Amino acid sequence: MLATDKNLKGWSKYYSKFSYYLWTKTQNDSARVYADSAISNFENTKKKYFLDENSLLQAFLTLGYIDRTEEQYESSTQNFIKALQVEKKYPYKYKSYIYAGIANNHLSLGNNQKALNYYLNNLKDSIYTQIPQAHVVTLTRLGILYSKNYLNHKDSAYYYLKKSEKISHLKDYQDNLPFIYSSLGEVFRKTDLDSTLFYFKKSKELYLSLIHISEPTRQAEI
């Protein structure tokens, strides 16, 4: 319809939506082209419509996801920040998804305190924590951050990992359980061999039970 009627508006929205769709299908190159097209279409159009400007949030968000999957963490963070700039004008209900992307990038870059601050902030968002995957993954990553490999606070690491285990069962999102249990095993590695072996065994058992289950499409990283 857009191609057949020049009076119709919405090209940037179309490009943004299609870009995200292509990313879920792991077609990064094509997804990047459409996301860039959404941005350039808005920038080059003389008459700006809020419909198209609003859709730029999706375009920048998708570019952030693409860059992250390609381990371009700095570029990914910049795109997430651009999405936040659009969000200031057009409030986004799931704003914490953007913060989670930034936190994940800081975690990958070793900026542990920055990652910690973003994750803790997301736990204050009741809308975000209503999403089982979001809640569980955020708690799990807080546990990892507090583990010996990062901030070295074992009590806090144990607290968040056990809380993530509880929420996994409570909200019926158990994909993260093998990682939670292996992380708990690491917490006890130097202090309690029996607990370490217990959690590693549980991790292995769950991993083997889930290994044949795979997602048909990519999902936004929480």
N, C-alpha and C. Protein backbone atom coordinates (compact mmCIF):
# COMPACT_ATOMS: atom_id res chain seq x y z
N MET A 1 0.82 -1.21 0.00
CA MET A 1 0.00 0.00 0.00
C MET A 1 0.85 1.26 0.00
N LEU A 2 1.92 1.26 0.78
CA LEU A 2 2.81 2.42 0.81
C LEU A 2 3.43 2.68 -0.55
N ALA A 3 3.75 1.59 -1.25
CA ALA A 3 4.42 1.73 -2.55
C ALA A 3 3.47 2.22 -3.64
N THR A 4 2.20 1.97 -3.48
CA THR A 4 1.25 2.32 -4.53
C THR A 4 0.57 3.67 -4.32
N ASP A 5 0.68 4.22 -3.10
CA ASP A 5 0.04 5.50 -2.81
C ASP A 5 1.03 6.43 -2.13
N LYS A 6 1.53 7.40 -2.87
CA LYS A 6 2.55 8.31 -2.35
C LYS A 6 2.03 9.23 -1.24
N ASN A 7 0.73 9.32 -1.12
CA ASN A 7 0.15 10.17 -0.08
C ASN A 7 0.14 9.51 1.30
N LEU A 8 0.37 8.21 1.29
CA LEU A 8 0.38 7.49 2.57
C LEU A 8 1.68 7.77 3.32
N LYS A 9 1.59 7.86 4.64
CA LYS A 9 2.79 8.01 5.46
C LYS A 9 3.00 6.73 6.26
N GLY A 10 4.20 6.58 6.78
CA GLY A 10 4.48 5.39 7.59
C GLY A 10 5.65 4.55 7.14
N TRP A 11 6.46 5.09 6.21
CA TRP A 11 7.61 4.30 5.73
C TRP A 11 8.58 3.96 6.86
N SER A 12 8.88 4.93 7.70
CA SER A 12 9.84 4.66 8.78
C SER A 12 9.31 3.60 9.74
N LYS A 13 8.00 3.67 10.01
CA LYS A 13 7.41 2.66 10.88
C LYS A 13 7.50 1.28 10.24
N TYR A 14 7.21 1.21 8.95
CA TYR A 14 7.29 -0.06 8.23
C TYR A 14 8.72 -0.62 8.27
N TYR A 15 9.69 0.23 7.93
CA TYR A 15 11.09 -0.21 7.94
C TYR A 15 11.52 -0.68 9.33
N SER A 16 11.09 0.04 10.37
CA SER A 16 11.47 -0.31 11.74
C SER A 16 10.90 -1.67 12.14
N LYS A 17 9.62 -1.86 11.86
CA LYS A 17 8.96 -3.11 12.23
C LYS A 17 9.56 -4.29 11.46
N PHE A 18 9.81 -4.07 10.17
CA PHE A 18 10.34 -5.16 9.36
C PHE A 18 11.78 -5.47 9.76
N SER A 19 12.51 -4.45 10.17
CA SER A 19 13.88 -4.65 10.64
C SER A 19 13.90 -5.58 11.85
N TYR A 20 13.03 -5.30 12.82
CA TYR A 20 12.98 -6.15 14.01
C TYR A 20 12.57 -7.57 13.65
N TYR A 21 11.60 -7.70 12.75
CA TYR A 21 11.17 -9.03 12.31
C TYR A 21 12.34 -9.81 11.72
N LEU A 22 13.13 -9.16 10.87
CA LEU A 22 14.27 -9.83 10.26
C LEU A 22 15.32 -10.21 11.30
N TRP A 23 15.47 -9.36 12.32
CA TRP A 23 16.43 -9.70 13.37
C TRP A 23 16.00 -10.95 14.14
N THR A 24 14.68 -11.09 14.39
CA THR A 24 14.21 -12.29 15.08
C THR A 24 14.46 -13.54 14.25
N LYS A 25 14.62 -13.37 12.95
CA LYS A 25 14.91 -14.48 12.05
C LYS A 25 16.41 -14.65 11.82
N THR A 26 17.20 -13.94 12.64
CA THR A 26 18.68 -13.97 12.59
C THR A 26 19.25 -13.49 11.26
N GLN A 27 18.52 -12.63 10.58
CA GLN A 27 19.00 -12.05 9.32
C GLN A 27 19.55 -10.65 9.61
N ASN A 28 20.71 -10.63 10.28
CA ASN A 28 21.27 -9.37 10.78
C ASN A 28 21.53 -8.33 9.70
N ASP A 29 22.13 -8.76 8.60
CA ASP A 29 22.50 -7.81 7.55
C ASP A 29 21.26 -7.10 6.99
N SER A 30 20.24 -7.87 6.68
CA SER A 30 19.01 -7.28 6.14
C SER A 30 18.32 -6.42 7.19
N ALA A 31 18.34 -6.89 8.43
CA ALA A 31 17.71 -6.13 9.51
C ALA A 31 18.39 -4.78 9.68
N ARG A 32 19.70 -4.76 9.56
CA ARG A 32 20.44 -3.50 9.69
C ARG A 32 20.08 -2.54 8.55
N VAL A 33 19.94 -3.07 7.35
CA VAL A 33 19.58 -2.23 6.20
C VAL A 33 18.24 -1.56 6.42
N TYR A 34 17.26 -2.32 6.89
CA TYR A 34 15.93 -1.75 7.10
C TYR A 34 15.90 -0.78 8.27
N ALA A 35 16.66 -1.05 9.32
CA ALA A 35 16.71 -0.12 10.44
C ALA A 35 17.34 1.20 10.00
N ASP A 36 18.43 1.12 9.23
CA ASP A 36 19.07 2.32 8.70
C ASP A 36 18.12 3.07 7.76
N SER A 37 17.33 2.32 6.99
CA SER A 37 16.36 2.94 6.07
C SER A 37 15.29 3.70 6.85
N ALA A 38 14.87 3.16 7.98
CA ALA A 38 13.86 3.84 8.81
C ALA A 38 14.39 5.19 9.28
N ILE A 39 15.65 5.20 9.69
CA ILE A 39 16.26 6.43 10.21
C ILE A 39 16.47 7.44 9.09
N SER A 40 17.05 6.99 7.99
CA SER A 40 17.33 7.91 6.88
C SER A 40 16.05 8.44 6.25
N ASN A 41 15.01 7.60 6.18
CA ASN A 41 13.73 8.05 5.63
C ASN A 41 13.18 9.21 6.45
N PHE A 42 13.25 9.10 7.75
CA PHE A 42 12.74 10.17 8.60
C PHE A 42 13.59 11.43 8.45
N GLU A 43 14.91 11.25 8.45
CA GLU A 43 15.81 12.40 8.36
C GLU A 43 15.67 13.14 7.04
N ASN A 44 15.37 12.43 5.96
CA ASN A 44 15.33 13.03 4.63
C ASN A 44 13.94 13.49 4.20
N THR A 45 12.94 13.23 5.01
CA THR A 45 11.58 13.65 4.70
C THR A 45 11.35 15.07 5.19
N LYS A 46 10.86 15.93 4.33
CA LYS A 46 10.66 17.33 4.70
C LYS A 46 9.61 17.49 5.79
N LYS A 47 8.49 16.80 5.63
CA LYS A 47 7.42 16.89 6.62
C LYS A 47 7.54 15.73 7.59
N LYS A 48 7.80 16.05 8.85
CA LYS A 48 8.01 15.01 9.85
C LYS A 48 6.69 14.62 10.52
N TYR A 49 6.43 13.35 10.60
CA TYR A 49 5.23 12.84 11.26
C TYR A 49 5.63 12.13 12.56
N PHE A 50 4.82 12.32 13.60
CA PHE A 50 5.13 11.70 14.89
C PHE A 50 5.14 10.17 14.76
N LEU A 51 4.30 9.64 13.84
CA LEU A 51 4.25 8.20 13.61
C LEU A 51 5.62 7.66 13.24
N ASP A 52 6.30 8.38 12.36
CA ASP A 52 7.63 7.93 11.90
C ASP A 52 8.70 8.22 12.95
N GLU A 53 8.61 9.38 13.59
CA GLU A 53 9.61 9.71 14.60
C GLU A 53 9.55 8.73 15.77
N ASN A 54 8.34 8.39 16.17
CA ASN A 54 8.15 7.44 17.26
C ASN A 54 8.77 6.08 16.93
N SER A 55 8.67 5.69 15.66
CA SER A 55 9.16 4.38 15.25
C SER A 55 10.68 4.28 15.27
N LEU A 56 11.36 5.42 15.35
CA LEU A 56 12.82 5.38 15.39
C LEU A 56 13.33 4.67 16.65
N LEU A 57 12.53 4.69 17.71
CA LEU A 57 12.92 3.97 18.92
C LEU A 57 13.14 2.49 18.59
N GLN A 58 12.21 1.92 17.83
CA GLN A 58 12.33 0.51 17.44
C GLN A 58 13.56 0.29 16.56
N ALA A 59 13.83 1.23 15.68
CA ALA A 59 14.98 1.09 14.78
C ALA A 59 16.29 1.09 15.57
N PHE A 60 16.44 2.06 16.49
CA PHE A 60 17.67 2.12 17.29
C PHE A 60 17.78 0.92 18.22
N LEU A 61 16.65 0.48 18.75
CA LEU A 61 16.65 -0.68 19.62
C LEU A 61 17.12 -1.93 18.86
N THR A 62 16.61 -2.09 17.65
CA THR A 62 17.03 -3.24 16.83
C THR A 62 18.50 -3.16 16.48
N LEU A 63 18.99 -1.97 16.13
CA LEU A 63 20.42 -1.82 15.85
C LEU A 63 21.25 -2.16 17.08
N GLY A 64 20.74 -1.79 18.26
CA GLY A 64 21.43 -2.14 19.49
C GLY A 64 21.53 -3.64 19.67
N TYR A 65 20.43 -4.34 19.38
CA TYR A 65 20.43 -5.80 19.48
C TYR A 65 21.37 -6.43 18.46
N ILE A 66 21.35 -5.91 17.23
CA ILE A 66 22.22 -6.44 16.19
C ILE A 66 23.68 -6.29 16.58
N ASP A 67 24.05 -5.09 17.02
CA ASP A 67 25.44 -4.84 17.40
C ASP A 67 25.85 -5.73 18.57
N ARG A 68 24.94 -5.94 19.49
CA ARG A 68 25.29 -6.80 20.64
C ARG A 68 25.53 -8.24 20.20
N THR A 69 24.67 -8.77 19.33
CA THR A 69 24.87 -10.14 18.87
C THR A 69 26.17 -10.29 18.09
N GLU A 70 26.65 -9.17 17.54
CA GLU A 70 27.91 -9.19 16.81
C GLU A 70 29.08 -8.71 17.68
N GLU A 71 28.83 -8.62 18.98
CA GLU A 71 29.84 -8.26 20.00
C GLU A 71 30.44 -6.87 19.78
N GLN A 72 29.66 -5.98 19.20
CA GLN A 72 30.06 -4.58 19.06
C GLN A 72 29.38 -3.80 20.19
N TYR A 73 29.90 -3.99 21.39
CA TYR A 73 29.20 -3.52 22.59
C TYR A 73 29.15 -2.00 22.70
N GLU A 74 30.20 -1.32 22.31
CA GLU A 74 30.20 0.14 22.39
C GLU A 74 29.16 0.73 21.44
N SER A 75 29.15 0.23 20.21
CA SER A 75 28.18 0.70 19.22
C SER A 75 26.76 0.36 19.64
N SER A 76 26.59 -0.83 20.21
CA SER A 76 25.28 -1.25 20.69
C SER A 76 24.77 -0.30 21.77
N THR A 77 25.65 0.07 22.70
CA THR A 77 25.27 0.98 23.77
C THR A 77 24.85 2.33 23.21
N GLN A 78 25.58 2.83 22.22
CA GLN A 78 25.23 4.11 21.62
C GLN A 78 23.85 4.08 20.97
N ASN A 79 23.52 2.97 20.33
CA ASN A 79 22.20 2.85 19.72
C ASN A 79 21.10 2.77 20.78
N PHE A 80 21.37 2.09 21.88
CA PHE A 80 20.40 2.05 22.97
C PHE A 80 20.19 3.45 23.56
N ILE A 81 21.26 4.21 23.66
CA ILE A 81 21.16 5.58 24.18
C ILE A 81 20.33 6.45 23.23
N LYS A 82 20.50 6.25 21.93
CA LYS A 82 19.69 6.98 20.95
C LYS A 82 18.21 6.61 21.10
N ALA A 83 17.95 5.33 21.39
CA ALA A 83 16.56 4.90 21.62
C ALA A 83 15.99 5.62 22.84
N LEU A 84 16.81 5.79 23.87
CA LEU A 84 16.36 6.50 25.07
C LEU A 84 16.05 7.97 24.78
N GLN A 85 16.81 8.55 23.86
CA GLN A 85 16.57 9.95 23.49
C GLN A 85 15.20 10.10 22.82
N VAL A 86 14.83 9.13 22.01
CA VAL A 86 13.50 9.15 21.39
C VAL A 86 12.44 8.91 22.47
N GLU A 87 12.76 8.04 23.42
CA GLU A 87 11.82 7.69 24.48
C GLU A 87 11.45 8.88 25.35
N LYS A 88 12.35 9.85 25.45
CA LYS A 88 12.04 11.05 26.24
C LYS A 88 10.83 11.79 25.68
N LYS A 89 10.67 11.73 24.36
CA LYS A 89 9.55 12.42 23.72
C LYS A 89 8.34 11.50 23.57
N TYR A 90 8.60 10.22 23.38
CA TYR A 90 7.53 9.24 23.21
C TYR A 90 7.73 8.12 24.23
N PRO A 91 7.20 8.29 25.44
CA PRO A 91 7.42 7.31 26.52
C PRO A 91 7.13 5.88 26.08
N TYR A 92 8.05 5.00 26.43
CA TYR A 92 8.00 3.60 26.04
C TYR A 92 7.70 2.76 27.28
N LYS A 93 6.62 2.00 27.24
CA LYS A 93 6.19 1.21 28.39
C LYS A 93 7.28 0.28 28.89
N TYR A 94 8.04 -0.29 27.97
CA TYR A 94 9.08 -1.24 28.34
C TYR A 94 10.47 -0.61 28.26
N LYS A 95 10.57 0.58 28.81
CA LYS A 95 11.83 1.32 28.80
C LYS A 95 12.98 0.51 29.40
N SER A 96 12.68 -0.32 30.39
CA SER A 96 13.72 -1.09 31.06
C SER A 96 14.38 -2.10 30.13
N TYR A 97 13.72 -2.44 29.02
CA TYR A 97 14.38 -3.30 28.03
C TYR A 97 15.63 -2.59 27.49
N ILE A 98 15.51 -1.30 27.30
CA ILE A 98 16.66 -0.53 26.80
C ILE A 98 17.75 -0.50 27.86
N TYR A 99 17.35 -0.25 29.11
CA TYR A 99 18.32 -0.24 30.20
C TYR A 99 19.00 -1.61 30.34
N ALA A 100 18.23 -2.68 30.14
CA ALA A 100 18.80 -4.02 30.23
C ALA A 100 19.85 -4.23 29.15
N GLY A 101 19.58 -3.71 27.94
CA GLY A 101 20.56 -3.81 26.86
C GLY A 101 21.85 -3.10 27.22
N ILE A 102 21.73 -1.92 27.80
CA ILE A 102 22.91 -1.16 28.21
C ILE A 102 23.65 -1.90 29.32
N ALA A 103 22.89 -2.45 30.29
CA ALA A 103 23.50 -3.20 31.39
C ALA A 103 24.27 -4.41 30.87
N ASN A 104 23.67 -5.13 29.92
CA ASN A 104 24.32 -6.32 29.36
C ASN A 104 25.62 -5.96 28.66
N ASN A 105 25.62 -4.82 27.98
CA ASN A 105 26.83 -4.38 27.30
C ASN A 105 27.92 -4.02 28.30
N HIS A 106 27.54 -3.32 29.37
CA HIS A 106 28.52 -2.98 30.40
C HIS A 106 29.08 -4.24 31.06
N LEU A 107 28.23 -5.24 31.24
CA LEU A 107 28.68 -6.51 31.81
C LEU A 107 29.71 -7.16 30.89
N SER A 108 29.44 -7.16 29.59
CA SER A 108 30.36 -7.76 28.63
C SER A 108 31.68 -6.99 28.54
N LEU A 109 31.62 -5.68 28.76
CA LEU A 109 32.81 -4.84 28.69
C LEU A 109 33.60 -4.82 30.00
N GLY A 110 33.04 -5.42 31.05
CA GLY A 110 33.72 -5.43 32.33
C GLY A 110 33.45 -4.20 33.17
N ASN A 111 32.47 -3.39 32.77
CA ASN A 111 32.09 -2.21 33.57
C ASN A 111 31.07 -2.66 34.61
N ASN A 112 31.56 -3.37 35.62
CA ASN A 112 30.68 -4.09 36.53
C ASN A 112 29.78 -3.19 37.37
N GLN A 113 30.30 -2.09 37.86
CA GLN A 113 29.49 -1.22 38.70
C GLN A 113 28.36 -0.58 37.91
N LYS A 114 28.65 -0.17 36.66
CA LYS A 114 27.62 0.41 35.81
C LYS A 114 26.53 -0.63 35.50
N ALA A 115 26.96 -1.85 35.19
CA ALA A 115 26.00 -2.92 34.92
C ALA A 115 25.13 -3.17 36.14
N LEU A 116 25.76 -3.20 37.31
CA LEU A 116 25.04 -3.43 38.56
C LEU A 116 23.96 -2.38 38.77
N ASN A 117 24.30 -1.13 38.55
CA ASN A 117 23.36 -0.03 38.77
C ASN A 117 22.14 -0.15 37.86
N TYR A 118 22.37 -0.50 36.60
CA TYR A 118 21.26 -0.64 35.65
C TYR A 118 20.36 -1.82 36.04
N TYR A 119 20.97 -2.96 36.42
CA TYR A 119 20.16 -4.13 36.80
C TYR A 119 19.33 -3.84 38.04
N LEU A 120 19.94 -3.20 39.04
CA LEU A 120 19.21 -2.87 40.26
C LEU A 120 18.05 -1.91 39.97
N ASN A 121 18.29 -0.98 39.06
CA ASN A 121 17.24 -0.03 38.68
C ASN A 121 16.07 -0.75 38.01
N ASN A 122 16.37 -1.75 37.19
CA ASN A 122 15.31 -2.49 36.49
C ASN A 122 14.42 -3.26 37.46
N LEU A 123 14.99 -3.69 38.58
CA LEU A 123 14.19 -4.42 39.56
C LEU A 123 13.12 -3.54 40.21
N LYS A 124 13.27 -2.23 40.08
CA LYS A 124 12.29 -1.29 40.64
C LYS A 124 11.11 -1.08 39.69
N ASP A 125 11.24 -1.58 38.45
CA ASP A 125 10.20 -1.39 37.44
C ASP A 125 9.21 -2.55 37.52
N SER A 126 8.05 -2.32 38.08
CA SER A 126 7.06 -3.38 38.28
C SER A 126 6.55 -3.96 36.95
N ILE A 127 6.49 -3.14 35.92
CA ILE A 127 6.04 -3.63 34.61
C ILE A 127 7.07 -4.60 34.05
N TYR A 128 8.33 -4.25 34.18
CA TYR A 128 9.42 -5.09 33.67
C TYR A 128 9.50 -6.42 34.42
N THR A 129 9.38 -6.37 35.74
CA THR A 129 9.52 -7.59 36.54
C THR A 129 8.28 -8.49 36.45
N GLN A 130 7.21 -8.01 35.83
CA GLN A 130 6.07 -8.87 35.59
C GLN A 130 6.36 -9.88 34.48
N ILE A 131 7.38 -9.60 33.68
CA ILE A 131 7.78 -10.49 32.60
C ILE A 131 8.71 -11.55 33.19
N PRO A 132 8.30 -12.82 33.23
CA PRO A 132 9.09 -13.85 33.90
C PRO A 132 10.57 -13.90 33.45
N GLN A 133 10.80 -13.91 32.14
CA GLN A 133 12.17 -13.99 31.66
C GLN A 133 12.99 -12.79 32.11
N ALA A 134 12.40 -11.62 32.03
CA ALA A 134 13.10 -10.40 32.43
C ALA A 134 13.49 -10.45 33.90
N HIS A 135 12.55 -10.85 34.74
CA HIS A 135 12.79 -10.88 36.17
C HIS A 135 13.87 -11.90 36.53
N VAL A 136 13.75 -13.11 35.99
CA VAL A 136 14.69 -14.18 36.31
C VAL A 136 16.10 -13.86 35.82
N VAL A 137 16.21 -13.41 34.58
CA VAL A 137 17.53 -13.13 34.01
C VAL A 137 18.22 -11.98 34.75
N THR A 138 17.46 -10.95 35.12
CA THR A 138 18.05 -9.82 35.84
C THR A 138 18.58 -10.27 37.20
N LEU A 139 17.80 -11.07 37.92
CA LEU A 139 18.25 -11.58 39.21
C LEU A 139 19.48 -12.47 39.06
N THR A 140 19.48 -13.28 38.01
CA THR A 140 20.62 -14.17 37.77
C THR A 140 21.89 -13.37 37.50
N ARG A 141 21.78 -12.35 36.69
CA ARG A 141 22.97 -11.56 36.35
C ARG A 141 23.46 -10.74 37.54
N LEU A 142 22.54 -10.34 38.41
CA LEU A 142 22.97 -9.69 39.65
C LEU A 142 23.77 -10.67 40.50
N GLY A 143 23.30 -11.92 40.54
CA GLY A 143 24.04 -12.93 41.28
C GLY A 143 25.44 -13.14 40.73
N ILE A 144 25.55 -13.14 39.40
CA ILE A 144 26.85 -13.31 38.76
C ILE A 144 27.75 -12.11 39.06
N LEU A 145 27.19 -10.92 39.01
CA LEU A 145 27.97 -9.72 39.29
C LEU A 145 28.52 -9.72 40.71
N TYR A 146 27.73 -10.25 41.63
CA TYR A 146 28.17 -10.27 43.02
C TYR A 146 29.08 -11.46 43.35
N SER A 147 29.27 -12.35 42.38
CA SER A 147 30.08 -13.54 42.63
C SER A 147 31.56 -13.18 42.71
N LYS A 148 32.37 -14.15 42.99
CA LYS A 148 33.81 -13.93 43.18
C LYS A 148 34.48 -13.36 41.93
N ASN A 149 33.90 -13.64 40.77
CA ASN A 149 34.53 -13.19 39.53
C ASN A 149 34.37 -11.69 39.29
N TYR A 150 33.47 -11.06 40.02
CA TYR A 150 33.20 -9.65 39.75
C TYR A 150 33.36 -8.81 41.02
N LEU A 151 32.31 -8.65 41.79
CA LEU A 151 32.35 -7.76 42.95
C LEU A 151 32.72 -8.49 44.23
N ASN A 152 32.76 -9.81 44.19
CA ASN A 152 33.24 -10.62 45.30
C ASN A 152 32.44 -10.44 46.59
N HIS A 153 31.11 -10.47 46.48
CA HIS A 153 30.24 -10.44 47.65
C HIS A 153 29.41 -11.73 47.61
N LYS A 154 29.91 -12.78 48.21
CA LYS A 154 29.29 -14.10 48.08
C LYS A 154 27.89 -14.15 48.69
N ASP A 155 27.69 -13.44 49.80
CA ASP A 155 26.37 -13.45 50.42
C ASP A 155 25.32 -12.85 49.48
N SER A 156 25.69 -11.75 48.83
CA SER A 156 24.76 -11.10 47.88
C SER A 156 24.57 -11.99 46.65
N ALA A 157 25.65 -12.63 46.20
CA ALA A 157 25.55 -13.53 45.05
C ALA A 157 24.57 -14.66 45.35
N TYR A 158 24.72 -15.26 46.52
CA TYR A 158 23.83 -16.35 46.93
C TYR A 158 22.39 -15.87 47.03
N TYR A 159 22.19 -14.69 47.61
CA TYR A 159 20.84 -14.13 47.78
C TYR A 159 20.14 -13.99 46.44
N TYR A 160 20.80 -13.37 45.46
CA TYR A 160 20.14 -13.11 44.18
C TYR A 160 19.97 -14.38 43.35
N LEU A 161 20.93 -15.30 43.45
CA LEU A 161 20.80 -16.55 42.70
C LEU A 161 19.67 -17.42 43.27
N LYS A 162 19.56 -17.47 44.59
CA LYS A 162 18.47 -18.23 45.19
C LYS A 162 17.12 -17.57 44.91
N LYS A 163 17.10 -16.25 44.87
CA LYS A 163 15.87 -15.54 44.54
C LYS A 163 15.48 -15.80 43.09
N SER A 164 16.46 -15.85 42.21
CA SER A 164 16.17 -16.14 40.80
C SER A 164 15.65 -17.57 40.64
N GLU A 165 16.20 -18.49 41.45
CA GLU A 165 15.69 -19.87 41.44
C GLU A 165 14.23 -19.91 41.86
N LYS A 166 13.90 -19.19 42.92
CA LYS A 166 12.52 -19.15 43.43
C LYS A 166 11.57 -18.56 42.40
N ILE A 167 11.96 -17.44 41.79
CA ILE A 167 11.10 -16.79 40.79
C ILE A 167 10.95 -17.67 39.55
N SER A 168 12.00 -18.42 39.22
CA SER A 168 11.93 -19.33 38.06
C SER A 168 10.80 -20.32 38.23
N HIS A 169 10.68 -20.88 39.42
CA HIS A 169 9.60 -21.85 39.68
C HIS A 169 8.26 -21.14 39.84
N LEU A 170 8.28 -20.01 40.52
CA LEU A 170 7.03 -19.28 40.79
C LEU A 170 6.37 -18.80 39.50
N LYS A 171 7.19 -18.31 38.56
CA LYS A 171 6.66 -17.74 37.32
C LYS A 171 6.79 -18.70 36.13
N ASP A 172 7.22 -19.92 36.43
CA ASP A 172 7.30 -20.97 35.41
C ASP A 172 8.17 -20.56 34.22
N TYR A 173 9.31 -19.93 34.53
CA TYR A 173 10.33 -19.69 33.50
C TYR A 173 11.60 -20.37 33.99
N GLN A 174 11.88 -21.56 33.46
CA GLN A 174 12.94 -22.38 34.01
C GLN A 174 14.12 -22.58 33.06
N ASP A 175 14.13 -21.87 31.95
CA ASP A 175 15.23 -22.00 31.00
C ASP A 175 16.56 -21.60 31.62
N ASN A 176 16.52 -20.70 32.58
CA ASN A 176 17.75 -20.19 33.17
C ASN A 176 18.26 -21.03 34.33
N LEU A 177 17.50 -22.03 34.77
CA LEU A 177 17.87 -22.81 35.94
C LEU A 177 19.23 -23.52 35.84
N PRO A 178 19.58 -24.13 34.70
CA PRO A 178 20.91 -24.75 34.63
C PRO A 178 22.04 -23.75 34.92
N PHE A 179 21.90 -22.55 34.41
CA PHE A 179 22.92 -21.53 34.64
C PHE A 179 22.89 -21.05 36.09
N ILE A 180 21.70 -20.94 36.67
CA ILE A 180 21.57 -20.52 38.07
C ILE A 180 22.28 -21.53 38.97
N TYR A 181 22.03 -22.82 38.73
CA TYR A 181 22.62 -23.85 39.58
C TYR A 181 24.14 -23.94 39.40
N SER A 182 24.61 -23.79 38.17
CA SER A 182 26.06 -23.83 37.97
C SER A 182 26.72 -22.63 38.64
N SER A 183 26.03 -21.49 38.64
CA SER A 183 26.56 -20.29 39.30
C SER A 183 26.58 -20.46 40.82
N LEU A 184 25.54 -21.11 41.35
CA LEU A 184 25.53 -21.41 42.78
C LEU A 184 26.67 -22.35 43.14
N GLY A 185 26.94 -23.29 42.25
CA GLY A 185 28.07 -24.19 42.48
C GLY A 185 29.38 -23.44 42.56
N GLU A 186 29.53 -22.43 41.71
CA GLU A 186 30.75 -21.62 41.72
C GLU A 186 30.88 -20.83 43.02
N VAL A 187 29.75 -20.38 43.57
CA VAL A 187 29.78 -19.61 44.82
C VAL A 187 30.40 -20.44 45.95
N PHE A 188 30.12 -21.75 45.95
CA PHE A 188 30.60 -22.63 47.03
C PHE A 188 31.89 -23.37 46.68
N ARG A 189 32.47 -23.11 45.53
CA ARG A 189 33.59 -23.92 45.04
C ARG A 189 34.74 -24.03 46.06
N LYS A 190 35.08 -22.94 46.73
CA LYS A 190 36.24 -22.95 47.64
C LYS A 190 35.87 -23.14 49.11
N THR A 191 34.57 -23.21 49.39
CA THR A 191 34.17 -23.28 50.80
C THR A 191 33.36 -24.52 51.16
N ASP A 192 32.66 -25.11 50.20
CA ASP A 192 31.76 -26.22 50.51
C ASP A 192 31.67 -27.14 49.30
N LEU A 193 32.51 -28.16 49.29
CA LEU A 193 32.57 -29.06 48.13
C LEU A 193 31.26 -29.80 47.91
N ASP A 194 30.61 -30.21 49.00
CA ASP A 194 29.34 -30.95 48.86
C ASP A 194 28.28 -30.09 48.17
N SER A 195 28.18 -28.82 48.58
CA SER A 195 27.21 -27.92 47.95
C SER A 195 27.56 -27.67 46.49
N THR A 196 28.85 -27.53 46.22
CA THR A 196 29.30 -27.32 44.85
C THR A 196 28.87 -28.48 43.96
N LEU A 197 29.14 -29.70 44.40
CA LEU A 197 28.78 -30.88 43.63
C LEU A 197 27.26 -31.02 43.49
N PHE A 198 26.54 -30.67 44.54
CA PHE A 198 25.08 -30.74 44.52
C PHE A 198 24.51 -29.84 43.43
N TYR A 199 24.98 -28.59 43.39
CA TYR A 199 24.44 -27.64 42.42
C TYR A 199 24.93 -27.95 41.00
N PHE A 200 26.16 -28.39 40.86
CA PHE A 200 26.66 -28.76 39.52
C PHE A 200 25.87 -29.93 38.97
N LYS A 201 25.53 -30.90 39.84
CA LYS A 201 24.76 -32.05 39.40
C LYS A 201 23.37 -31.62 38.94
N LYS A 202 22.73 -30.74 39.73
CA LYS A 202 21.40 -30.25 39.35
C LYS A 202 21.46 -29.48 38.03
N SER A 203 22.53 -28.70 37.85
CA SER A 203 22.69 -27.95 36.62
C SER A 203 22.80 -28.88 35.42
N LYS A 204 23.60 -29.93 35.55
CA LYS A 204 23.80 -30.88 34.45
C LYS A 204 22.49 -31.60 34.11
N GLU A 205 21.77 -32.03 35.14
CA GLU A 205 20.51 -32.75 34.92
C GLU A 205 19.50 -31.88 34.17
N LEU A 206 19.38 -30.63 34.59
CA LEU A 206 18.43 -29.73 33.94
C LEU A 206 18.86 -29.37 32.53
N TYR A 207 20.16 -29.18 32.36
CA TYR A 207 20.67 -28.86 31.02
C TYR A 207 20.36 -29.98 30.04
N LEU A 208 20.57 -31.21 30.46
CA LEU A 208 20.30 -32.34 29.57
C LEU A 208 18.82 -32.47 29.25
N SER A 209 17.97 -32.06 30.21
CA SER A 209 16.53 -32.14 29.97
C SER A 209 16.04 -31.05 29.03
N LEU A 210 16.80 -29.95 28.95
CA LEU A 210 16.38 -28.81 28.12
C LEU A 210 17.12 -28.74 26.79
N ILE A 211 18.15 -29.57 26.61
CA ILE A 211 19.05 -29.42 25.47
C ILE A 211 18.35 -29.61 24.13
N HIS A 212 17.27 -30.36 24.13
CA HIS A 212 16.56 -30.61 22.86
C HIS A 212 15.49 -29.57 22.58
N ILE A 213 15.31 -28.62 23.51
CA ILE A 213 14.32 -27.57 23.32
C ILE A 213 15.01 -26.33 22.79
N SER A 214 14.57 -25.82 21.66
CA SER A 214 15.18 -24.63 21.08
C SER A 214 14.12 -23.65 20.65
N GLU A 215 14.44 -22.34 20.72
CA GLU A 215 13.51 -21.29 20.32
C GLU A 215 13.46 -21.21 18.80
N PRO A 216 12.28 -21.14 18.19
CA PRO A 216 12.19 -21.04 16.73
C PRO A 216 12.67 -19.70 16.20
N THR A 217 12.55 -18.66 17.04
CA THR A 217 13.01 -17.33 16.61
C THR A 217 13.77 -16.68 17.73
N ARG A 218 14.55 -15.69 17.36
CA ARG A 218 15.33 -14.95 18.35
C ARG A 218 14.42 -14.02 19.13
N GLN A 219 14.71 -13.84 20.42
CA GLN A 219 13.94 -12.91 21.23
C GLN A 219 14.85 -11.79 21.69
N ALA A 220 14.26 -10.66 22.00
CA ALA A 220 15.03 -9.54 22.52
C ALA A 220 15.73 -9.95 23.79
N GLU A 221 17.04 -9.65 23.86
CA GLU A 221 17.78 -10.01 25.06
C GLU A 221 17.34 -9.12 26.21
N ILE A 222 17.07 -9.78 27.34
CA ILE A 222 16.59 -9.03 28.50
C ILE A 222 17.75 -8.45 29.28
